[in-house]
Amino acid sequence: MNLPLRKVVLVDDHAIFRAGLKAGLGPTIEVVGEAGTVEEAIGTIRALDPDVVLLDVHLPDGGGQAVIPAVHAERPGVRFLALSVSDAAEDVVAVIRAGARGYVTKSIAPDELVDAIHKIADGDAVFSPWLAGFVLDAFGGGEAGDGARGAPATIGAADPELDQLTAREQDVLLLIARGYLYKEIGARLHISVKTVESHVSNVLRKLQLSNRAELTRWAAQRRMI
C-alpha cells in the first residue's frame, strides 16, 4: 500500500535525538521543522502547519502539553503525538487532556512510529498498549476537558464490557488487536506464551467473542486501534 507523504515537526530538547529520529523515519515522513522549547515549538508549528507534531512532554521551558492549546487556536488541523521516555500516568493524562491524539514511548520501533504517525494524521488515536489503561482510567468516568478535542471515542464514556477485563487482560487485548503474535506479546509484557494464551482465552470469554478476528473488530469499533 502506498502511503501519502506526511509533514512532521519534531519537538524535543535533545538535538542528537532529533537527528537520529529524522534519519530513521523513512520516505513517507518529511520532517519540515524542529524545535527544542515550548516557545520555539509554538512559532515553528504555526509557521509550518504540519500534519503531525511529535511532541516530547518535558521541555526546558515547560511541559509539552503547553504547546497544544497555543497552536490549536490558529492551526486546529495539526495533530499531536506525544513521544517521550516517560510512562508516568500523570504525563500521559496531562498531554491527552491538552489535546494530543496519542502517546508512545521512545522505546517504540521505527516502523511502528511511522505507522503511528500515519494513523494520527488520518484521525486515529494511538497509544503504547501499556499506557492505554491510564487513559481509560482517567477519562472513563466522564468527559475529558475541552482541550481533549482529539481524544478517542472510548475515552468519553465508561465501557462496561472493557471494565470486565483486568489491566493485564486489557494490555493483551490491545496487542492482539494490533496483530502481535503470542510470542511477541509475551516478550513485550514479560510473561510466558502460556500466560498470554490464558489471558486471550479469558478476554474472549468475558467479551463473548470467538476468535482474534472478532476481537480486533471489537477493538476497532471502539477506536482502540
Foldseek 3Di string as FASTA:
>chain_A
DDAAAFEEEEEAQDPVVVVVLCVLQDDSYDDPYYYQALVRLLVVCLVPVTLEYAFEQDGPVHGRLVNQVSNCVRRVNYAYEYEEQDLDLVSQLSNLLQAHQEYEYPVDDSVVVNVQSSCVSVLAHDYQLLSVVSLCVVQAPAARHPNNPSYFQSSHHHDVLVVVADSVLSSLLLCLLVPDDLVVSCVVVVHDSVVSVVSVVVSCVSNVHDDSVVSNVVCVVRSVD
